[in-house]
Structure formats: structure tokens, C-alpha cells
Amino acid sequence: MADLIVTIDGPAASGKSTVARLLARKLGASFLDTGAMYRVVTLAAIRAGADLSDQRQLLDVMDESEFKFSAEQDKMLVFLDGTDVTERLRDRQVTDNARYIASAPKVRQKLVGMQRVFAATELKIVTEGRDQGTVAFADADIKFFLTAEPAERARRRLAEMPAGDGLSLEQVQSDIERRDKSDRDRAVGPLKPADDAIVVDTTDLNIDEVVDKLFGFVKEKCLKDG
């Protein structure tokens, strides 16, 4: 397992992916994008024509597909059956259907195993998701939970969407709040801060301020000897 594991959990659009990527760069660590793992399984299932609500079919797709994840500077490259699909993972169809993967307990269990395998190959990792500090890496060196007001998270999410999506701020906020409820109510790996997580409200902070804040905590707790 990695010598340093930093987990960053939080709800949708709380800034955790961007913060994790930048913090990894600052620490000289590898970035584990767990969202990309869920999305590539979603993409594989869509391509296979699987019933996304059927966990058995999803498990079959995972068994029949080849997934590879590679740390590249401050991002993670994702390969499906030998092809780099990193850029395809933000397609709207994949985004809209990733919830099926997230709500399938046995699929989540396999993905946690894949996350731990990735961590075993790296010296230092920063990993982000919704259950990294509570399930995947419960013994992490330091854990963070990022949050922000729903309206601010909706504004951020809308700003990163292609203009062609045509969604209003109200629609995006409604989607986020629905996702929050689904994540909190999930039977396996529900969204919640780990008991020993440091909770950071990012509503009034920019990305650099959040990264600096987290880096300060890591330096104080984990890097005292340099």
C-alpha cells in the first residue's frame, strides 16, 4: 500500500476532483480518480448493451472487460479493452447512468478492490470520491470531507457543462440535491464524513485557497519530517 494516502470525499460539485488533482501535484503524489472508475464501468456496460439496473449483468461486463488505470502527472488515464477512453468518460450518457454502478453493492465492492490495487502500486496517492475515507481507505493517513452550499455547487457544475446541455441553474441544483439524497441513502458506502475526517466548507473559498488549506493540514499531520 502507498506510504501516504490522502482521501477527499464529498458530494457532487464540492470541488473534490479538482482539489485532489492539484493537491496530488503539490505533494508529488498520484491522483486516484474513483469517479472515472465508476464511469468506465458505465461506459463498458452501455457499449455491451447491458441492463444497467441488473447487477448480475454489470458484474458480467466487468469480468469480460479489461480495465487499466495509469497515473500520468496529476491525472489518471483510463483504458477500456486497450483503448484510452479518458475523454469519453464525461459524455452526458455516461454521466447520467453512472448512478446505476454506484448503487450496485457487489459492483462497488469490486471497484473498491480495484482502487486498493491502484494504491498498492504507488508511493503516495490522493484519492477522491464518496466513500474513500469510510470504506476504501479507512486507515488513510489523513481524511478530508469537502462540502458547499447546494446553490454554489450548482453554479460550479453549470459553469463546467457544455453550453449545448441547455440546463438551467435550477435544474442543475435539483439534480445535485437528488444525487445528494441518493448518495446519503445508499445502503453500501453511503456519503458521509469519516469519524476522523476534517470537514472543509468550500462555499466561499476558491480552488487555490482550498488546496492550500488541505496542504497545510497534510504538512502538519503527515510531513513533519520534511
Protein backbone atom coordinates (compact mmCIF):
# COMPACT_ATOMS: atom_id res chain seq x y z
CA MET A 1 0.00 0.00 0.00
CA ALA A 2 1.12 3.59 -0.59
CA ASP A 3 3.26 5.26 2.09
CA LEU A 4 0.93 8.27 2.12
CA ILE A 5 -2.81 8.06 1.46
CA VAL A 6 -4.92 11.22 1.46
CA THR A 7 -8.67 10.79 0.97
CA ILE A 8 -11.04 13.53 -0.15
CA ASP A 9 -14.74 12.75 -0.02
CA GLY A 10 -17.75 14.95 -0.57
CA PRO A 11 -20.94 15.49 -2.55
CA ALA A 12 -21.18 16.34 -6.24
CA ALA A 13 -19.54 19.62 -7.32
CA SER A 14 -17.96 20.27 -3.93
CA GLY A 15 -14.65 20.71 -5.73
CA LYS A 16 -13.08 17.45 -4.62
CA SER A 17 -11.87 16.27 -8.05
CA THR A 18 -10.06 19.49 -8.93
CA VAL A 19 -8.71 19.90 -5.41
CA ALA A 20 -7.50 16.28 -5.31
CA ARG A 21 -5.72 16.68 -8.63
CA LEU A 22 -3.98 19.90 -7.58
CA LEU A 23 -3.13 18.61 -4.12
CA ALA A 24 -1.61 15.49 -5.67
CA ARG A 25 0.58 17.70 -7.85
CA LYS A 26 1.68 19.74 -4.84
CA LEU A 27 2.52 16.59 -2.86
CA GLY A 28 4.20 14.80 -5.76
CA ALA A 29 1.56 12.08 -5.38
CA SER A 30 -0.53 10.07 -7.83
CA PHE A 31 -4.16 11.06 -8.30
CA LEU A 32 -6.78 8.32 -7.97
CA ASP A 33 -9.97 9.45 -9.70
CA THR A 34 -12.55 6.99 -8.41
CA GLY A 35 -15.31 8.71 -10.36
CA ALA A 36 -13.51 7.74 -13.54
CA MET A 37 -13.55 4.11 -12.41
CA TYR A 38 -17.32 4.17 -11.98
CA ARG A 39 -17.70 5.93 -15.31
CA VAL A 40 -15.58 3.47 -17.27
CA VAL A 41 -17.66 0.57 -15.96
CA THR A 42 -20.74 2.55 -17.01
CA LEU A 43 -19.26 3.07 -20.47
CA ALA A 44 -18.41 -0.63 -20.78
CA ALA A 45 -21.95 -1.62 -19.75
CA ILE A 46 -23.52 0.81 -22.24
CA ARG A 47 -21.34 -0.49 -25.06
CA ALA A 48 -22.24 -4.07 -24.14
CA GLY A 49 -25.95 -3.27 -24.20
CA ALA A 50 -26.32 -4.43 -20.60
CA ASP A 51 -29.35 -3.72 -18.45
CA LEU A 52 -27.84 -1.14 -16.11
CA SER A 53 -30.32 -1.99 -13.36
CA ASP A 54 -29.27 -5.66 -13.38
CA GLN A 55 -26.29 -6.13 -11.07
CA ARG A 56 -25.52 -9.59 -12.45
CA GLN A 57 -25.17 -8.18 -15.96
CA LEU A 58 -22.93 -5.39 -14.67
CA LEU A 59 -20.69 -7.94 -12.94
CA ASP A 60 -20.51 -9.95 -16.16
CA VAL A 61 -19.45 -6.82 -18.05
CA MET A 62 -16.70 -6.21 -15.50
CA ASP A 63 -15.49 -9.80 -15.80
CA GLU A 64 -15.46 -9.62 -19.60
CA SER A 65 -13.78 -6.20 -19.87
CA GLU A 66 -10.17 -5.16 -19.42
CA PHE A 67 -9.71 -2.03 -17.30
CA LYS A 68 -6.40 -0.28 -16.85
CA PHE A 69 -5.62 2.86 -14.87
CA SER A 70 -2.38 4.77 -15.23
CA ALA A 71 -1.05 7.69 -13.17
CA GLU A 72 0.11 10.40 -15.56
CA GLN A 73 1.44 13.56 -13.87
CA ASP A 74 -1.59 14.93 -11.99
CA LYS A 75 -4.29 12.96 -13.76
CA MET A 76 -5.35 9.37 -14.23
CA LEU A 77 -5.61 7.83 -17.68
CA VAL A 78 -8.32 5.22 -18.15
CA PHE A 79 -8.18 2.39 -20.67
CA LEU A 80 -11.02 0.09 -21.67
CA ASP A 81 -10.05 -3.03 -23.60
CA GLY A 82 -6.75 -1.43 -24.57
CA THR A 83 -8.19 1.90 -25.74
CA ASP A 84 -7.73 5.22 -23.95
CA VAL A 85 -11.27 6.36 -23.10
CA THR A 86 -10.35 9.09 -20.58
CA GLU A 87 -12.03 11.84 -22.60
CA ARG A 88 -15.17 9.79 -23.23
CA LEU A 89 -15.97 9.48 -19.55
CA ARG A 90 -17.58 12.93 -19.32
CA ASP A 91 -20.13 12.20 -22.03
CA ARG A 92 -23.65 13.03 -20.86
CA GLN A 93 -24.89 9.47 -21.39
CA VAL A 94 -22.15 8.13 -19.13
CA THR A 95 -22.76 10.82 -16.51
CA ASP A 96 -26.50 10.20 -16.43
CA ASN A 97 -26.10 6.44 -15.96
CA ALA A 98 -23.17 6.18 -13.53
CA ARG A 99 -25.69 6.12 -10.67
CA TYR A 100 -26.57 2.53 -11.56
CA ILE A 101 -22.98 1.46 -11.00
CA ALA A 102 -22.76 3.42 -7.74
CA SER A 103 -25.90 1.77 -6.35
CA ALA A 104 -24.90 -1.85 -7.10
CA PRO A 105 -23.27 -3.20 -3.88
CA LYS A 106 -21.25 -6.03 -5.43
CA VAL A 107 -20.04 -3.78 -8.24
CA ARG A 108 -18.94 -1.17 -5.70
CA GLN A 109 -17.10 -3.89 -3.80
CA LYS A 110 -15.15 -4.88 -6.91
CA LEU A 111 -14.35 -1.26 -7.63
CA VAL A 112 -13.02 -0.75 -4.10
CA GLY A 113 -10.73 -3.71 -4.76
CA MET A 114 -9.51 -2.03 -7.95
CA GLN A 115 -8.87 1.18 -6.03
CA ARG A 116 -6.78 -0.66 -3.47
CA VAL A 117 -4.79 -2.39 -6.21
CA PHE A 118 -4.03 1.02 -7.73
CA ALA A 119 -2.89 2.33 -4.33
CA ALA A 120 -0.59 -0.66 -3.88
CA THR A 121 1.38 0.36 -6.96
CA GLU A 122 2.00 3.99 -5.96
CA LEU A 123 4.20 5.59 -3.31
CA LYS A 124 1.78 8.40 -2.46
CA ILE A 125 -1.82 8.90 -3.54
CA VAL A 126 -4.56 11.46 -3.22
CA THR A 127 -7.90 9.79 -3.81
CA GLU A 128 -11.33 11.36 -4.09
CA GLY A 129 -14.86 10.03 -4.07
CA ARG A 130 -17.75 9.47 -1.73
CA ASP A 131 -16.55 6.58 0.42
CA GLN A 132 -12.77 6.76 0.28
CA GLY A 133 -12.24 7.64 3.93
CA THR A 134 -15.04 5.43 5.23
CA VAL A 135 -14.72 2.27 3.11
CA ALA A 136 -11.92 2.09 0.55
CA PHE A 137 -9.13 3.51 2.74
CA ALA A 138 -10.48 3.58 6.28
CA ASP A 139 -6.88 3.62 7.58
CA ALA A 140 -5.76 6.55 5.40
CA ASP A 141 -3.11 8.88 6.83
CA ILE A 142 -5.41 11.89 6.61
CA LYS A 143 -9.03 12.28 5.51
CA PHE A 144 -10.96 15.29 4.24
CA PHE A 145 -14.64 15.85 3.56
CA LEU A 146 -15.41 18.81 1.30
CA THR A 147 -18.83 20.38 1.21
CA ALA A 148 -20.51 23.53 -0.10
CA GLU A 149 -23.98 25.01 -0.27
CA PRO A 150 -26.16 23.37 -2.99
CA ALA A 151 -26.65 26.66 -4.84
CA GLU A 152 -22.89 27.20 -5.09
CA ARG A 153 -22.29 23.63 -6.19
CA ALA A 154 -24.97 24.02 -8.87
CA ARG A 155 -23.29 27.20 -10.11
CA ARG A 156 -19.95 25.40 -10.38
CA ARG A 157 -21.41 22.38 -12.14
CA LEU A 158 -23.29 24.57 -14.65
CA ALA A 159 -20.11 26.52 -15.42
CA GLU A 160 -18.27 23.34 -16.42
CA MET A 161 -21.09 21.96 -18.59
CA PRO A 162 -21.04 22.34 -22.38
CA ALA A 163 -23.37 25.16 -23.46
CA GLY A 164 -25.31 22.65 -25.54
CA ASP A 165 -26.68 20.92 -22.47
CA GLY A 166 -29.19 23.73 -22.13
CA LEU A 167 -29.94 23.20 -18.44
CA SER A 168 -30.96 25.99 -16.09
CA LEU A 169 -29.31 26.68 -12.74
CA GLU A 170 -32.47 25.48 -11.01
CA GLN A 171 -32.43 22.19 -12.92
CA VAL A 172 -28.78 21.59 -12.09
CA GLN A 173 -29.37 22.32 -8.39
CA SER A 174 -32.36 19.98 -8.35
CA ASP A 175 -30.23 17.23 -9.93
CA ILE A 176 -27.48 17.80 -7.36
CA GLU A 177 -29.87 17.66 -4.42
CA ARG A 178 -31.44 14.48 -5.78
CA ARG A 179 -27.97 12.96 -6.18
CA ASP A 180 -27.07 14.01 -2.63
CA LYS A 181 -30.09 12.19 -1.24
CA SER A 182 -29.36 9.08 -3.28
CA ASP A 183 -25.73 9.07 -2.11
CA ARG A 184 -26.68 9.56 1.54
CA ASP A 185 -29.38 6.88 1.49
CA ARG A 186 -27.31 4.24 -0.30
CA ALA A 187 -27.05 1.01 1.72
CA VAL A 188 -23.40 0.39 0.81
CA GLY A 189 -20.77 3.13 1.10
CA PRO A 190 -23.20 5.98 1.82
CA LEU A 191 -21.99 9.56 1.54
CA LYS A 192 -20.91 10.76 4.98
CA PRO A 193 -17.75 12.12 6.59
CA ALA A 194 -15.49 9.59 8.25
CA ASP A 195 -15.45 9.99 12.04
CA ASP A 196 -11.87 11.29 11.84
CA ALA A 197 -12.29 13.38 8.68
CA ILE A 198 -11.51 17.10 8.54
CA VAL A 199 -14.61 18.81 7.16
CA VAL A 200 -13.95 21.83 4.92
CA ASP A 201 -16.75 24.07 3.64
CA THR A 202 -15.62 25.38 0.25
CA THR A 203 -18.62 27.65 -0.43
CA ASP A 204 -16.66 30.89 -0.01
CA LEU A 205 -13.23 29.58 -0.99
CA ASN A 206 -11.60 29.43 -4.40
CA ILE A 207 -9.73 26.34 -5.55
CA ASP A 208 -6.29 27.61 -4.63
CA GLU A 209 -7.46 28.51 -1.13
CA VAL A 210 -8.91 25.03 -0.62
CA VAL A 211 -5.74 23.34 -1.89
CA ASP A 212 -3.55 25.49 0.36
CA LYS A 213 -5.79 24.74 3.34
CA LEU A 214 -5.63 20.97 2.78
CA PHE A 215 -1.90 21.06 2.08
CA GLY A 216 -1.40 22.81 5.41
CA PHE A 217 -3.21 20.03 7.24
CA VAL A 218 -1.23 17.33 5.39
CA LYS A 219 2.05 19.09 6.10
CA GLU A 220 1.22 19.47 9.79
CA LYS A 221 -0.01 15.90 10.32
CA CYS A 222 1.93 13.79 7.82
CA LEU A 223 5.03 15.66 6.63
CA LYS A 224 6.55 16.86 9.88
CA ASP A 225 9.88 15.30 8.99
CA GLY A 226 10.03 17.03 5.65
